[in-house]
Structure formats: C-alpha cells, structure tokens
Amino acid sequence: MGKLLQSTSPVGTVDLIVAADGTGNCTTVSEAIEKVQDKTEKRFVIYIKQGVYKENVEIKKKKWNVMIIGDGIGKTVISANRNFIDGYTTFRSATFAVSGKGFIARDVTIENTAGPSKHQAVALRSDSDLSVYYRCAFRGYQDTLYAHSLRQLYRECIITGTINFIFGNAAAVIQNSQILARLPLPNQKNTITAQGRKDPNQNTGFSIQFCNLTADSDLVNAVNQSYTYLGRPWKEFSRTIVMQSNLGSAIRPEGWLEWQGDFALNTLYYAEFMNFGPGSGLAGRVKWPGYHTLNSSAQAVNFTVAQFIDGNLWLPSTGVKYTSGLMV
C-alpha cells in the first residue's frame, strides 16, 4: 500500500478522514483502520467527523500507533449493542476494541446501547500498551470500560455505567474525569470498579485521581434505593486506589462491596487518600484486612502516573496533558 497523503482538517494534519456523509476518505471507522499499515512506528492519525457510526471496531495487535480524533464528546459517536444475553462473550461484546500498542483516542464517544437488562455489554476494551484516552466518553451499563491489560491513561473522560463498569487487569490511571453511576435494574448494586489482578507479582491496578465519582442524572433521585460502591474484588489480588477525588453522596458509607462472602478480602489492596465530598467519610468504611486509608504521600506516590505506569517515559510524546505526581 502506498503512502497515504496527509491532509489538513479542523484538528490539524491527518492521514485519513472518516465521514458518514461521504465527504472524507472513508465512510466507516473500520474501513479507515483497515488502511493502516501494520507495525508502523509513526503515528497514524484518523479524523472522524461528527456523526453516529453504528459499527463494532477492532484495532488488532499489529496496528501500532493509531490515533483517532473526533469532533468532541457527543458529536463523534461510535455506537453498537453487542451483549452477553444475545450470545457474545464479555470480551467480544466491545463496541470498540484495541490491542495495537500506542493507541490514542481524543474527542469521541464510544457507547454500548444494549441496556441494563442485557447484562455484560462493553463499550471500550483496551489491551493496548501505552494507550491514552483524552476527552472521551464511554457510556454503557454493566461492564462499560474493559481496561483489559497493560499501561493506560484516561484523562478528562466521562465514564458511565452500573455494575463493574470499570474492570479488567490493566495498569490504568484515570485522571480529571467524571465517573458517573447510572440507575441499575431493581435490586442491583452499582460497583464502579472490579479490578482483576490475579497474582501479587502483577504490577496492575486502577488508580483514580482528581476525579468526580458521583451519580448520573438518572440515579440522583434514587441513591437511597440503588446503592453505589467504589469497587469489589473480581479477582483475588484486586487493586484499586481512589485519591484526591470528589466522592458524591451516592457513594455508600462502607465504600466497598464484597464479591462473594470473604473472597479476596485478605488479599486485595484497596486504598483511599485525600478524598473529599459527601461520600468520602472514612468512619463507616469496610474493615477488611486488605483495605487501607493512606496517611502519607510516600504511600500514595506509588500510584501516580510517573510511578505506576512509567508515564514520564512515554506520555510526553503523545501531546496529552497529564499530572505526573500528587501535585496539580
């Protein structure tokens, strides 16, 4: 395949333009991804014009350094509805799945519209190492964001869902984002995270920093009927840290929820550091051996962008702003 000519767009110089109305090089996102050469070290930029793209997109492992840029959250929307009830595995249900390293998404919405009665229905699945999601929205109900594996940064994003809606076994930092619990089915409990670390030697976990964790508009008036927790242990060594974040009144006083009986309560690592807001009180928190309230920055610094995902080594080349440590 010959070198694709770069063209200018409202978002700068790009390699391909996707437009549903035919004014670009491709009409679907999947078609554009197919045109990306395998294992390219140079960043390949795809601009996706405003519109709703109803498709399931997959960026396979050999497609390196792809960047997609939309016209903004709610303007450029990639939408599908695969789900567990209709016969898809959780892994295969993703509206957008990316495995190729060095992926960047900016200014797009990725959604799974299956709804709460369809159970697991992933919007984004990422097993892209050194991947960044900037000013993106991920919308779903159960299992919205599958941070599957490897190093990932989410910055200034909106993430909505109900059960285990940020899950997987990546080493992921989520910064300056809106994490919004939605109204679940009756008798369901919302759990924001379900981190899947299986081995104490894995350097994986979720670090949520400078975020707003609260109820989405449909849950606001039902927080006393539908309970919301920061997380529960999907696997034995589940690890999640919530720090320097605003916890809304939707967050239950216990903070965290069991998965099943006493499974993982001794082996998980859950911690909170310098949170604020009506849901941040520590007096009623769970008393599990694996739950910690951190009192010093020396402990919390291990979960910063610089330390936890080696961010200073690779994020500067992405052009995405981030906070490397504990100070804004």
C-alpha atoms as a PDB file:
ATOM      1  CA  MET A   1       0.000   0.000   0.000  1.00  0.00           C
ATOM      2  CA  GLY A   2       1.389   3.401  -0.960  1.00  0.00           C
ATOM      3  CA  LYS A   3       1.857   6.251   1.470  1.00  0.00           C
ATOM      4  CA  LEU A   4      -1.458   7.921   2.178  1.00  0.00           C
ATOM      5  CA  LEU A   5      -1.351  11.635   1.590  1.00  0.00           C
ATOM      6  CA  GLN A   6      -1.768  13.712   4.689  1.00  0.00           C
ATOM      7  CA  SER A   7      -4.459  16.358   4.587  1.00  0.00           C
ATOM      8  CA  THR A   8      -5.353  19.223   6.860  1.00  0.00           C
ATOM      9  CA  SER A   9      -8.545  19.261   8.898  1.00  0.00           C
ATOM     10  CA  PRO A  10     -10.035  21.193  11.825  1.00  0.00           C
ATOM     11  CA  VAL A  11      -7.865  19.008  14.066  1.00  0.00           C
ATOM     12  CA  GLY A  12      -4.594  19.581  12.215  1.00  0.00           C
ATOM     13  CA  THR A  13      -2.714  17.308   9.868  1.00  0.00           C
ATOM     14  CA  VAL A  14      -4.313  13.899   9.452  1.00  0.00           C
ATOM     15  CA  ASP A  15      -3.729  10.772   7.383  1.00  0.00           C
ATOM     16  CA  LEU A  16      -7.367   9.834   6.768  1.00  0.00           C
ATOM     17  CA  ILE A  17     -10.773  11.437   7.218  1.00  0.00           C
ATOM     18  CA  VAL A  18     -13.851   9.382   8.094  1.00  0.00           C
ATOM     19  CA  ALA A  19     -17.207  10.975   7.291  1.00  0.00           C
ATOM     20  CA  ALA A  20     -20.578   9.244   7.254  1.00  0.00           C
ATOM     21  CA  ASP A  21     -21.786  11.678   4.579  1.00  0.00           C
ATOM     22  CA  GLY A  22     -19.076  10.711   2.100  1.00  0.00           C
ATOM     23  CA  THR A  23     -17.019  13.904   2.368  1.00  0.00           C
ATOM     24  CA  GLY A  24     -13.945  12.042   3.677  1.00  0.00           C
ATOM     25  CA  ASN A  25     -11.709   9.182   2.544  1.00  0.00           C
ATOM     26  CA  CYS A  26     -13.892   6.541   4.242  1.00  0.00           C
ATOM     27  CA  THR A  27     -17.467   6.313   5.469  1.00  0.00           C
ATOM     28  CA  THR A  28     -16.785   3.928   8.382  1.00  0.00           C
ATOM     29  CA  VAL A  29     -14.160   3.805  11.096  1.00  0.00           C
ATOM     30  CA  SER A  30     -13.454   0.129  10.390  1.00  0.00           C
ATOM     31  CA  GLU A  31     -12.645   0.923   6.761  1.00  0.00           C
ATOM     32  CA  ALA A  32     -10.103   3.516   7.883  1.00  0.00           C
ATOM     33  CA  ILE A  33      -8.457   1.103  10.333  1.00  0.00           C
ATOM     34  CA  GLU A  34      -8.012  -1.434   7.523  1.00  0.00           C
ATOM     35  CA  LYS A  35      -5.927   1.111   5.620  1.00  0.00           C
ATOM     36  CA  VAL A  36      -3.391   1.474   8.428  1.00  0.00           C
ATOM     37  CA  GLN A  37      -0.125  -0.303   7.689  1.00  0.00           C
ATOM     38  CA  ASP A  38       0.971  -2.962  10.173  1.00  0.00           C
ATOM     39  CA  LYS A  39       3.630  -2.222  12.784  1.00  0.00           C
ATOM     40  CA  THR A  40       4.237   1.383  11.828  1.00  0.00           C
ATOM     41  CA  GLU A  41       6.393   3.340  14.283  1.00  0.00           C
ATOM     42  CA  LYS A  42       4.990   6.640  13.014  1.00  0.00           C
ATOM     43  CA  ARG A  43       1.708   7.878  14.436  1.00  0.00           C
ATOM     44  CA  PHE A  44      -1.211   7.418  12.015  1.00  0.00           C
ATOM     45  CA  VAL A  45      -3.959   9.989  12.558  1.00  0.00           C
ATOM     46  CA  ILE A  46      -7.601   9.375  11.614  1.00  0.00           C
ATOM     47  CA  TYR A  47     -10.064  12.255  11.924  1.00  0.00           C
ATOM     48  CA  ILE A  48     -13.657  11.086  12.411  1.00  0.00           C
ATOM     49  CA  LYS A  49     -16.146  13.803  11.549  1.00  0.00           C
ATOM     50  CA  GLN A  50     -19.249  14.467  13.594  1.00  0.00           C
ATOM     51  CA  GLY A  51     -21.879  11.745  13.260  1.00  0.00           C
ATOM     52  CA  VAL A  52     -23.065   8.448  14.711  1.00  0.00           C
ATOM     53  CA  TYR A  53     -21.097   5.466  13.418  1.00  0.00           C
ATOM     54  CA  LYS A  54     -23.023   2.268  14.124  1.00  0.00           C
ATOM     55  CA  GLU A  55     -20.297  -0.348  13.966  1.00  0.00           C
ATOM     56  CA  ASN A  56     -18.047  -2.584  16.009  1.00  0.00           C
ATOM     57  CA  VAL A  57     -14.450  -1.500  15.543  1.00  0.00           C
ATOM     58  CA  GLU A  58     -11.374  -3.615  16.209  1.00  0.00           C
ATOM     59  CA  ILE A  59      -7.767  -2.438  16.070  1.00  0.00           C
ATOM     60  CA  LYS A  60      -5.711  -5.609  16.031  1.00  0.00           C
ATOM     61  CA  LYS A  61      -2.342  -6.165  17.680  1.00  0.00           C
ATOM     62  CA  LYS A  62      -0.292  -5.388  14.552  1.00  0.00           C
ATOM     63  CA  LYS A  63      -1.832  -1.918  14.116  1.00  0.00           C
ATOM     64  CA  TRP A  64       0.504   0.276  16.130  1.00  0.00           C
ATOM     65  CA  ASN A  65       0.347   3.977  16.990  1.00  0.00           C
ATOM     66  CA  VAL A  66      -3.125   4.694  15.647  1.00  0.00           C
ATOM     67  CA  MET A  67      -4.745   7.945  16.784  1.00  0.00           C
ATOM     68  CA  ILE A  68      -8.412   8.758  16.312  1.00  0.00           C
ATOM     69  CA  ILE A  69      -9.706  12.290  16.764  1.00  0.00           C
ATOM     70  CA  GLY A  70     -13.369  13.228  16.728  1.00  0.00           C
ATOM     71  CA  ASP A  71     -15.289  16.500  16.875  1.00  0.00           C
ATOM     72  CA  GLY A  72     -15.998  16.136  20.585  1.00  0.00           C
ATOM     73  CA  ILE A  73     -17.888  14.095  23.143  1.00  0.00           C
ATOM     74  CA  GLY A  74     -21.469  13.599  21.957  1.00  0.00           C
ATOM     75  CA  LYS A  75     -20.593  14.766  18.436  1.00  0.00           C
ATOM     76  CA  THR A  76     -18.484  11.920  17.081  1.00  0.00           C
ATOM     77  CA  VAL A  77     -20.152   8.761  18.408  1.00  0.00           C
ATOM     78  CA  ILE A  78     -19.204   5.133  17.790  1.00  0.00           C
ATOM     79  CA  SER A  79     -22.168   3.025  18.831  1.00  0.00           C
ATOM     80  CA  ALA A  80     -23.102  -0.659  18.945  1.00  0.00           C
ATOM     81  CA  ASN A  81     -25.045  -3.040  21.176  1.00  0.00           C
ATOM     82  CA  ARG A  82     -23.391  -6.455  21.400  1.00  0.00           C
ATOM     83  CA  ASN A  83     -24.021  -8.107  24.767  1.00  0.00           C
ATOM     84  CA  PHE A  84     -23.935 -11.270  26.840  1.00  0.00           C
ATOM     85  CA  ILE A  85     -27.655 -12.085  26.608  1.00  0.00           C
ATOM     86  CA  ASP A  86     -27.514 -12.053  22.804  1.00  0.00           C
ATOM     87  CA  GLY A  87     -24.676 -14.570  22.814  1.00  0.00           C
ATOM     88  CA  TYR A  88     -21.436 -12.576  22.934  1.00  0.00           C
ATOM     89  CA  THR A  89     -18.691 -13.130  25.470  1.00  0.00           C
ATOM     90  CA  THR A  90     -17.833 -10.064  27.534  1.00  0.00           C
ATOM     91  CA  PHE A  91     -14.533  -9.819  25.626  1.00  0.00           C
ATOM     92  CA  ARG A  92     -16.260  -9.919  22.213  1.00  0.00           C
ATOM     93  CA  SER A  93     -19.111  -7.586  23.170  1.00  0.00           C
ATOM     94  CA  ALA A  94     -16.971  -4.438  22.885  1.00  0.00           C
ATOM     95  CA  THR A  95     -18.156  -1.661  20.589  1.00  0.00           C
ATOM     96  CA  PHE A  96     -14.527  -0.576  20.217  1.00  0.00           C
ATOM     97  CA  ALA A  97     -11.648  -2.983  20.881  1.00  0.00           C
ATOM     98  CA  VAL A  98      -7.980  -2.056  20.607  1.00  0.00           C
ATOM     99  CA  SER A  99      -4.925  -4.283  21.009  1.00  0.00           C
ATOM    100  CA  GLY A 100      -2.296  -2.442  18.951  1.00  0.00           C
ATOM    101  CA  LYS A 101       0.183  -0.574  21.142  1.00  0.00           C
ATOM    102  CA  GLY A 102       0.403   3.212  21.349  1.00  0.00           C
ATOM    103  CA  PHE A 103      -3.269   3.923  20.630  1.00  0.00           C
ATOM    104  CA  ILE A 104      -4.681   7.402  21.297  1.00  0.00           C
ATOM    105  CA  ALA A 105      -8.345   8.453  21.217  1.00  0.00           C
ATOM    106  CA  ARG A 106      -9.447  12.065  21.554  1.00  0.00           C
ATOM    107  CA  ASP A 107     -12.804  13.842  21.475  1.00  0.00           C
ATOM    108  CA  VAL A 108     -15.053  10.847  20.784  1.00  0.00           C
ATOM    109  CA  THR A 109     -17.908   8.983  22.460  1.00  0.00           C
ATOM    110  CA  ILE A 110     -17.845   5.189  22.453  1.00  0.00           C
ATOM    111  CA  GLU A 111     -21.059   3.575  23.651  1.00  0.00           C
ATOM    112  CA  ASN A 112     -22.796   0.267  24.070  1.00  0.00           C
ATOM    113  CA  THR A 113     -26.556   0.795  23.886  1.00  0.00           C
ATOM    114  CA  ALA A 114     -27.620  -2.751  24.875  1.00  0.00           C
ATOM    115  CA  GLY A 115     -29.109  -1.500  28.150  1.00  0.00           C
ATOM    116  CA  PRO A 116     -29.062  -2.912  31.687  1.00  0.00           C
ATOM    117  CA  SER A 117     -31.226  -5.973  31.029  1.00  0.00           C
ATOM    118  CA  LYS A 118     -28.643  -7.356  28.567  1.00  0.00           C
ATOM    119  CA  HIS A 119     -26.005  -7.773  31.312  1.00  0.00           C
ATOM    120  CA  GLN A 120     -22.357  -7.555  30.195  1.00  0.00           C
ATOM    121  CA  ALA A 121     -22.074  -5.103  27.301  1.00  0.00           C
ATOM    122  CA  VAL A 122     -18.683  -3.435  26.825  1.00  0.00           C
ATOM    123  CA  ALA A 123     -18.194  -0.022  25.196  1.00  0.00           C
ATOM    124  CA  LEU A 124     -14.361   0.022  25.104  1.00  0.00           C
ATOM    125  CA  ARG A 125     -11.989  -2.892  25.526  1.00  0.00           C
ATOM    126  CA  SER A 126      -8.348  -1.847  25.657  1.00  0.00           C
ATOM    127  CA  ASP A 127      -5.372  -4.160  25.779  1.00  0.00           C
ATOM    128  CA  SER A 128      -3.212  -1.553  24.064  1.00  0.00           C
ATOM    129  CA  ASP A 129       0.037  -0.857  25.896  1.00  0.00           C
ATOM    130  CA  LEU A 130       0.917   2.829  26.270  1.00  0.00           C
ATOM    131  CA  SER A 131      -2.588   3.909  25.274  1.00  0.00           C
ATOM    132  CA  VAL A 132      -4.258   7.237  26.051  1.00  0.00           C
ATOM    133  CA  TYR A 133      -7.913   8.300  26.081  1.00  0.00           C
ATOM    134  CA  TYR A 134      -8.312  12.073  26.216  1.00  0.00           C
ATOM    135  CA  ARG A 135     -11.637  13.930  26.385  1.00  0.00           C
ATOM    136  CA  CYS A 136     -13.575  10.775  25.525  1.00  0.00           C
ATOM    137  CA  ALA A 137     -16.869   9.418  26.833  1.00  0.00           C
ATOM    138  CA  PHE A 138     -17.534   5.739  27.473  1.00  0.00           C
ATOM    139  CA  ARG A 139     -21.210   5.030  28.006  1.00  0.00           C
ATOM    140  CA  GLY A 140     -22.878   1.777  28.981  1.00  0.00           C
ATOM    141  CA  TYR A 141     -24.386  -0.061  31.926  1.00  0.00           C
ATOM    142  CA  GLN A 142     -22.710  -3.302  33.067  1.00  0.00           C
ATOM    143  CA  ASP A 143     -19.002  -3.598  32.131  1.00  0.00           C
ATOM    144  CA  THR A 144     -18.697  -0.311  30.213  1.00  0.00           C
ATOM    145  CA  LEU A 145     -14.919   0.088  30.254  1.00  0.00           C
ATOM    146  CA  TYR A 146     -12.800  -3.051  29.968  1.00  0.00           C
ATOM    147  CA  ALA A 147      -9.282  -1.875  30.844  1.00  0.00           C
ATOM    148  CA  HIS A 148      -8.090  -5.343  29.962  1.00  0.00           C
ATOM    149  CA  SER A 149      -4.295  -5.234  30.280  1.00  0.00           C
ATOM    150  CA  LEU A 150      -1.083  -3.184  30.034  1.00  0.00           C
ATOM    151  CA  ARG A 151      -0.456   0.542  30.670  1.00  0.00           C
ATOM    152  CA  GLN A 152      -3.252   3.040  30.029  1.00  0.00           C
ATOM    153  CA  LEU A 153      -4.152   6.645  30.843  1.00  0.00           C
ATOM    154  CA  TYR A 154      -7.654   8.144  30.846  1.00  0.00           C
ATOM    155  CA  ARG A 155      -7.713  11.937  31.126  1.00  0.00           C
ATOM    156  CA  GLU A 156     -10.724  14.289  31.181  1.00  0.00           C
ATOM    157  CA  CYS A 157     -13.076  11.469  30.251  1.00  0.00           C
ATOM    158  CA  ILE A 158     -16.688  10.678  31.132  1.00  0.00           C
ATOM    159  CA  ILE A 159     -17.308   7.066  32.152  1.00  0.00           C
ATOM    160  CA  THR A 160     -20.853   5.913  32.919  1.00  0.00           C
ATOM    161  CA  GLY A 161     -22.283   2.579  33.995  1.00  0.00           C
ATOM    162  CA  THR A 162     -23.739   0.380  36.708  1.00  0.00           C
ATOM    163  CA  ILE A 163     -22.139  -2.963  37.640  1.00  0.00           C
ATOM    164  CA  ASN A 164     -18.334  -3.356  37.499  1.00  0.00           C
ATOM    165  CA  PHE A 165     -18.296  -0.581  34.951  1.00  0.00           C
ATOM    166  CA  ILE A 166     -14.524  -0.080  35.063  1.00  0.00           C
ATOM    167  CA  PHE A 167     -12.995  -3.554  35.102  1.00  0.00           C
ATOM    168  CA  GLY A 168     -10.069  -5.610  33.860  1.00  0.00           C
ATOM    169  CA  ASN A 169      -6.420  -6.119  34.743  1.00  0.00           C
ATOM    170  CA  ALA A 170      -4.642  -3.171  33.179  1.00  0.00           C
ATOM    171  CA  ALA A 171      -2.322  -0.795  34.988  1.00  0.00           C
ATOM    172  CA  ALA A 172      -4.599   2.186  34.417  1.00  0.00           C
ATOM    173  CA  VAL A 173      -4.641   5.717  35.763  1.00  0.00           C
ATOM    174  CA  ILE A 174      -7.834   7.741  35.410  1.00  0.00           C
ATOM    175  CA  GLN A 175      -7.316  11.482  35.955  1.00  0.00           C
ATOM    176  CA  ASN A 176      -9.586  14.544  35.974  1.00  0.00           C
ATOM    177  CA  SER A 177     -12.557  12.501  34.817  1.00  0.00           C
ATOM    178  CA  GLN A 178     -16.275  12.236  35.531  1.00  0.00           C
ATOM    179  CA  ILE A 179     -17.151   8.738  36.740  1.00  0.00           C
ATOM    180  CA  LEU A 180     -20.935   8.553  36.835  1.00  0.00           C
ATOM    181  CA  ALA A 181     -23.042   5.730  38.266  1.00  0.00           C
ATOM    182  CA  ARG A 182     -26.324   5.190  36.419  1.00  0.00           C
ATOM    183  CA  LEU A 183     -29.647   3.774  37.559  1.00  0.00           C
ATOM    184  CA  PRO A 184     -29.348  -0.035  37.586  1.00  0.00           C
ATOM    185  CA  LEU A 185     -32.100  -2.634  37.443  1.00  0.00           C
ATOM    186  CA  PRO A 186     -34.145  -3.057  40.644  1.00  0.00           C
ATOM    187  CA  ASN A 187     -32.203  -4.941  43.355  1.00  0.00           C
ATOM    188  CA  GLN A 188     -28.872  -4.391  41.597  1.00  0.00           C
ATOM    189  CA  LYS A 189     -25.983  -2.617  43.303  1.00  0.00           C
ATOM    190  CA  ASN A 190     -23.605  -0.364  41.409  1.00  0.00           C
ATOM    191  CA  THR A 191     -19.891  -1.076  41.650  1.00  0.00           C
ATOM    192  CA  ILE A 192     -17.647   1.442  39.933  1.00  0.00           C
ATOM    193  CA  THR A 193     -14.603  -0.844  39.692  1.00  0.00           C
ATOM    194  CA  ALA A 194     -13.901  -4.575  39.519  1.00  0.00           C
ATOM    195  CA  GLN A 195     -10.152  -4.805  39.122  1.00  0.00           C
ATOM    196  CA  GLY A 196      -8.903  -8.233  38.054  1.00  0.00           C
ATOM    197  CA  ARG A 197      -5.372  -8.724  39.409  1.00  0.00           C
ATOM    198  CA  LYS A 198      -4.765 -12.471  39.786  1.00  0.00           C
ATOM    199  CA  ASP A 199      -1.227 -12.551  41.158  1.00  0.00           C
ATOM    200  CA  PRO A 200       0.507 -10.379  43.779  1.00  0.00           C
ATOM    201  CA  ASN A 201       3.510 -10.012  41.462  1.00  0.00           C
ATOM    202  CA  GLN A 202       1.493  -8.302  38.722  1.00  0.00           C
ATOM    203  CA  ASN A 203       2.106  -4.541  38.542  1.00  0.00           C
ATOM    204  CA  THR A 204      -1.524  -3.897  37.628  1.00  0.00           C
ATOM    205  CA  GLY A 205      -4.359  -1.995  39.237  1.00  0.00           C
ATOM    206  CA  PHE A 206      -6.572   1.051  38.884  1.00  0.00           C
ATOM    207  CA  SER A 207      -5.553   4.456  40.194  1.00  0.00           C
ATOM    208  CA  ILE A 208      -8.333   7.049  40.186  1.00  0.00           C
ATOM    209  CA  GLN A 209      -7.001  10.565  40.802  1.00  0.00           C
ATOM    210  CA  PHE A 210      -8.535  14.069  40.658  1.00  0.00           C
ATOM    211  CA  CYS A 211     -11.874  12.581  39.573  1.00  0.00           C
ATOM    212  CA  ASN A 212     -15.524  13.205  40.364  1.00  0.00           C
ATOM    213  CA  LEU A 213     -17.291   9.972  41.367  1.00  0.00           C
ATOM    214  CA  THR A 214     -20.990  10.630  41.616  1.00  0.00           C
ATOM    215  CA  ALA A 215     -24.493   9.788  40.391  1.00  0.00           C
ATOM    216  CA  ASP A 216     -25.528  10.323  36.783  1.00  0.00           C
ATOM    217  CA  SER A 217     -28.768  12.253  36.255  1.00  0.00           C
ATOM    218  CA  ASP A 218     -30.977   9.122  36.238  1.00  0.00           C
ATOM    219  CA  LEU A 219     -29.622   7.936  39.616  1.00  0.00           C
ATOM    220  CA  VAL A 220     -29.674  11.235  41.525  1.00  0.00           C
ATOM    221  CA  ASN A 221     -33.149  10.744  42.977  1.00  0.00           C
ATOM    222  CA  ALA A 222     -32.684   7.027  43.652  1.00  0.00           C
ATOM    223  CA  VAL A 223     -29.397   6.872  45.576  1.00  0.00           C
ATOM    224  CA  ASN A 224     -31.193   5.544  48.667  1.00  0.00           C
ATOM    225  CA  GLN A 225     -32.749   2.651  46.723  1.00  0.00           C
ATOM    226  CA  SER A 226     -29.841   1.777  44.415  1.00  0.00           C
ATOM    227  CA  TYR A 227     -26.560   1.607  46.297  1.00  0.00           C
ATOM    228  CA  THR A 228     -23.221   2.555  44.740  1.00  0.00           C
ATOM    229  CA  TYR A 229     -19.778   1.362  45.848  1.00  0.00           C
ATOM    230  CA  LEU A 230     -16.232   2.243  44.779  1.00  0.00           C
ATOM    231  CA  GLY A 231     -15.451  -1.328  43.839  1.00  0.00           C
ATOM    232  CA  ARG A 232     -15.447  -5.038  44.533  1.00  0.00           C
ATOM    233  CA  PRO A 233     -12.764  -7.698  44.037  1.00  0.00           C
ATOM    234  CA  TRP A 234     -13.214  -9.511  40.730  1.00  0.00           C
ATOM    235  CA  LYS A 235     -10.002 -11.487  41.307  1.00  0.00           C
ATOM    236  CA  GLU A 236      -8.009 -12.482  44.373  1.00  0.00           C
ATOM    237  CA  PHE A 237      -5.447  -9.664  44.334  1.00  0.00           C
ATOM    238  CA  SER A 238      -7.731  -6.905  43.055  1.00  0.00           C
ATOM    239  CA  ARG A 239      -6.039  -3.499  43.462  1.00  0.00           C
ATOM    240  CA  THR A 240      -7.710  -0.079  43.285  1.00  0.00           C
ATOM    241  CA  ILE A 241      -6.732   3.271  44.728  1.00  0.00           C
ATOM    242  CA  VAL A 242      -9.030   6.302  44.813  1.00  0.00           C
ATOM    243  CA  MET A 243      -7.211   9.512  45.682  1.00  0.00           C
ATOM    244  CA  GLN A 244      -7.589  13.281  45.659  1.00  0.00           C
ATOM    245  CA  SER A 245     -11.087  12.838  44.256  1.00  0.00           C
ATOM    246  CA  ASN A 246     -14.576  14.150  44.959  1.00  0.00           C
ATOM    247  CA  LEU A 247     -16.870  11.367  46.177  1.00  0.00           C
ATOM    248  CA  GLY A 248     -20.525  12.297  45.818  1.00  0.00           C
ATOM    249  CA  SER A 249     -23.351  11.368  48.170  1.00  0.00           C
ATOM    250  CA  ALA A 250     -24.180   8.334  46.013  1.00  0.00           C
ATOM    251  CA  ILE A 251     -21.134   6.525  47.439  1.00  0.00           C
ATOM    252  CA  ARG A 252     -22.184   4.296  50.343  1.00  0.00           C
ATOM    253  CA  PRO A 253     -20.556   4.810  53.770  1.00  0.00           C
ATOM    254  CA  GLU A 254     -18.968   1.323  53.559  1.00  0.00           C
ATOM    255  CA  GLY A 255     -17.232   2.432  50.371  1.00  0.00           C
ATOM    256  CA  TRP A 256     -16.510  -1.043  49.030  1.00  0.00           C
ATOM    257  CA  LEU A 257     -18.508  -4.236  48.443  1.00  0.00           C
ATOM    258  CA  GLU A 258     -17.744  -7.951  48.769  1.00  0.00           C
ATOM    259  CA  TRP A 259     -17.687 -10.082  45.612  1.00  0.00           C
ATOM    260  CA  GLN A 260     -18.832 -13.272  47.325  1.00  0.00           C
ATOM    261  CA  GLY A 261     -18.537 -13.904  51.046  1.00  0.00           C
ATOM    262  CA  ASP A 262     -14.997 -13.310  52.251  1.00  0.00           C
ATOM    263  CA  PHE A 263     -13.371 -13.965  48.848  1.00  0.00           C
ATOM    264  CA  ALA A 264     -10.223 -11.825  48.418  1.00  0.00           C
ATOM    265  CA  LEU A 265     -10.862  -9.629  51.458  1.00  0.00           C
ATOM    266  CA  ASN A 266      -7.448 -10.574  52.882  1.00  0.00           C
ATOM    267  CA  THR A 267      -5.528 -10.431  49.607  1.00  0.00           C
ATOM    268  CA  LEU A 268      -6.976  -7.411  47.783  1.00  0.00           C
ATOM    269  CA  TYR A 269      -5.428  -3.953  48.056  1.00  0.00           C
ATOM    270  CA  TYR A 270      -7.942  -1.112  48.195  1.00  0.00           C
ATOM    271  CA  ALA A 271      -6.883   2.319  49.381  1.00  0.00           C
ATOM    272  CA  GLU A 272      -8.130   5.876  49.689  1.00  0.00           C
ATOM    273  CA  PHE A 273      -6.042   9.026  50.003  1.00  0.00           C
ATOM    274  CA  MET A 274      -7.101  12.640  50.454  1.00  0.00           C
ATOM    275  CA  ASN A 275     -10.582  12.334  49.007  1.00  0.00           C
ATOM    276  CA  PHE A 276     -13.278  14.899  49.743  1.00  0.00           C
ATOM    277  CA  GLY A 277     -17.012  15.385  49.270  1.00  0.00           C
ATOM    278  CA  PRO A 278     -20.092  13.909  50.957  1.00  0.00           C
ATOM    279  CA  GLY A 279     -19.223  10.297  50.132  1.00  0.00           C
ATOM    280  CA  SER A 280     -15.621  10.478  51.343  1.00  0.00           C
ATOM    281  CA  GLY A 281     -16.158   9.937  55.092  1.00  0.00           C
ATOM    282  CA  LEU A 282     -13.978   7.103  56.382  1.00  0.00           C
ATOM    283  CA  ALA A 283     -15.765   6.301  59.661  1.00  0.00           C
ATOM    284  CA  GLY A 284     -18.144   3.747  58.128  1.00  0.00           C
ATOM    285  CA  ARG A 285     -15.683   2.149  55.720  1.00  0.00           C
ATOM    286  CA  VAL A 286     -15.188  -1.622  55.494  1.00  0.00           C
ATOM    287  CA  LYS A 287     -12.753  -3.163  57.984  1.00  0.00           C
ATOM    288  CA  TRP A 288     -11.203  -5.739  55.655  1.00  0.00           C
ATOM    289  CA  PRO A 289      -7.528  -6.653  56.096  1.00  0.00           C
ATOM    290  CA  GLY A 290      -6.863  -5.553  52.504  1.00  0.00           C
ATOM    291  CA  TYR A 291      -8.470  -2.103  52.841  1.00  0.00           C
ATOM    292  CA  HIS A 292      -6.231   0.858  53.706  1.00  0.00           C
ATOM    293  CA  THR A 293      -6.589   4.546  54.326  1.00  0.00           C
ATOM    294  CA  LEU A 294      -3.309   6.125  53.311  1.00  0.00           C
ATOM    295  CA  ASN A 295      -1.991   8.844  55.581  1.00  0.00           C
ATOM    296  CA  SER A 296       1.180   9.801  53.763  1.00  0.00           C
ATOM    297  CA  SER A 297       2.162  10.891  50.288  1.00  0.00           C
ATOM    298  CA  ALA A 298       5.028   8.404  50.478  1.00  0.00           C
ATOM    299  CA  GLN A 299       2.458   5.603  50.155  1.00  0.00           C
ATOM    300  CA  ALA A 300       0.227   7.330  47.610  1.00  0.00           C
ATOM    301  CA  VAL A 301       3.073   8.291  45.267  1.00  0.00           C
ATOM    302  CA  ASN A 302       3.371   4.655  44.161  1.00  0.00           C
ATOM    303  CA  PHE A 303       0.045   5.043  42.341  1.00  0.00           C
ATOM    304  CA  THR A 304       0.837   8.215  40.398  1.00  0.00           C
ATOM    305  CA  VAL A 305       1.269   8.410  36.624  1.00  0.00           C
ATOM    306  CA  ALA A 306       5.053   8.652  36.959  1.00  0.00           C
ATOM    307  CA  GLN A 307       5.425   5.639  39.243  1.00  0.00           C
ATOM    308  CA  PHE A 308       2.529   3.363  38.390  1.00  0.00           C
ATOM    309  CA  ILE A 309       2.546   3.464  34.571  1.00  0.00           C
ATOM    310  CA  ASP A 310       6.011   4.988  33.928  1.00  0.00           C
ATOM    311  CA  GLY A 311       4.156   7.920  32.408  1.00  0.00           C
ATOM    312  CA  ASN A 312       7.072  10.343  32.135  1.00  0.00           C
ATOM    313  CA  LEU A 313       8.829   7.899  29.815  1.00  0.00           C
ATOM    314  CA  TRP A 314       6.092   7.757  27.173  1.00  0.00           C
ATOM    315  CA  LEU A 315       3.310  10.300  27.713  1.00  0.00           C
ATOM    316  CA  PRO A 316       5.217  13.448  26.607  1.00  0.00           C
ATOM    317  CA  SER A 317       5.359  12.131  23.024  1.00  0.00           C
ATOM    318  CA  THR A 318       1.546  11.836  22.928  1.00  0.00           C
ATOM    319  CA  GLY A 319       0.958  15.558  23.460  1.00  0.00           C
ATOM    320  CA  VAL A 320      -1.743  14.811  26.042  1.00  0.00           C
ATOM    321  CA  LYS A 321      -1.525  16.770  29.263  1.00  0.00           C
ATOM    322  CA  TYR A 322      -1.282  14.817  32.483  1.00  0.00           C
ATOM    323  CA  THR A 323      -0.218  15.201  36.106  1.00  0.00           C
ATOM    324  CA  SER A 324       2.802  13.033  36.850  1.00  0.00           C
ATOM    325  CA  GLY A 325       2.654  13.119  40.649  1.00  0.00           C
ATOM    326  CA  LEU A 326       0.385  14.078  43.525  1.00  0.00           C
ATOM    327  CA  MET A 327       0.514  17.833  42.973  1.00  0.00           C
ATOM    328  CA  VAL A 328      -1.787  19.544  40.492  1.00  0.00           C
END
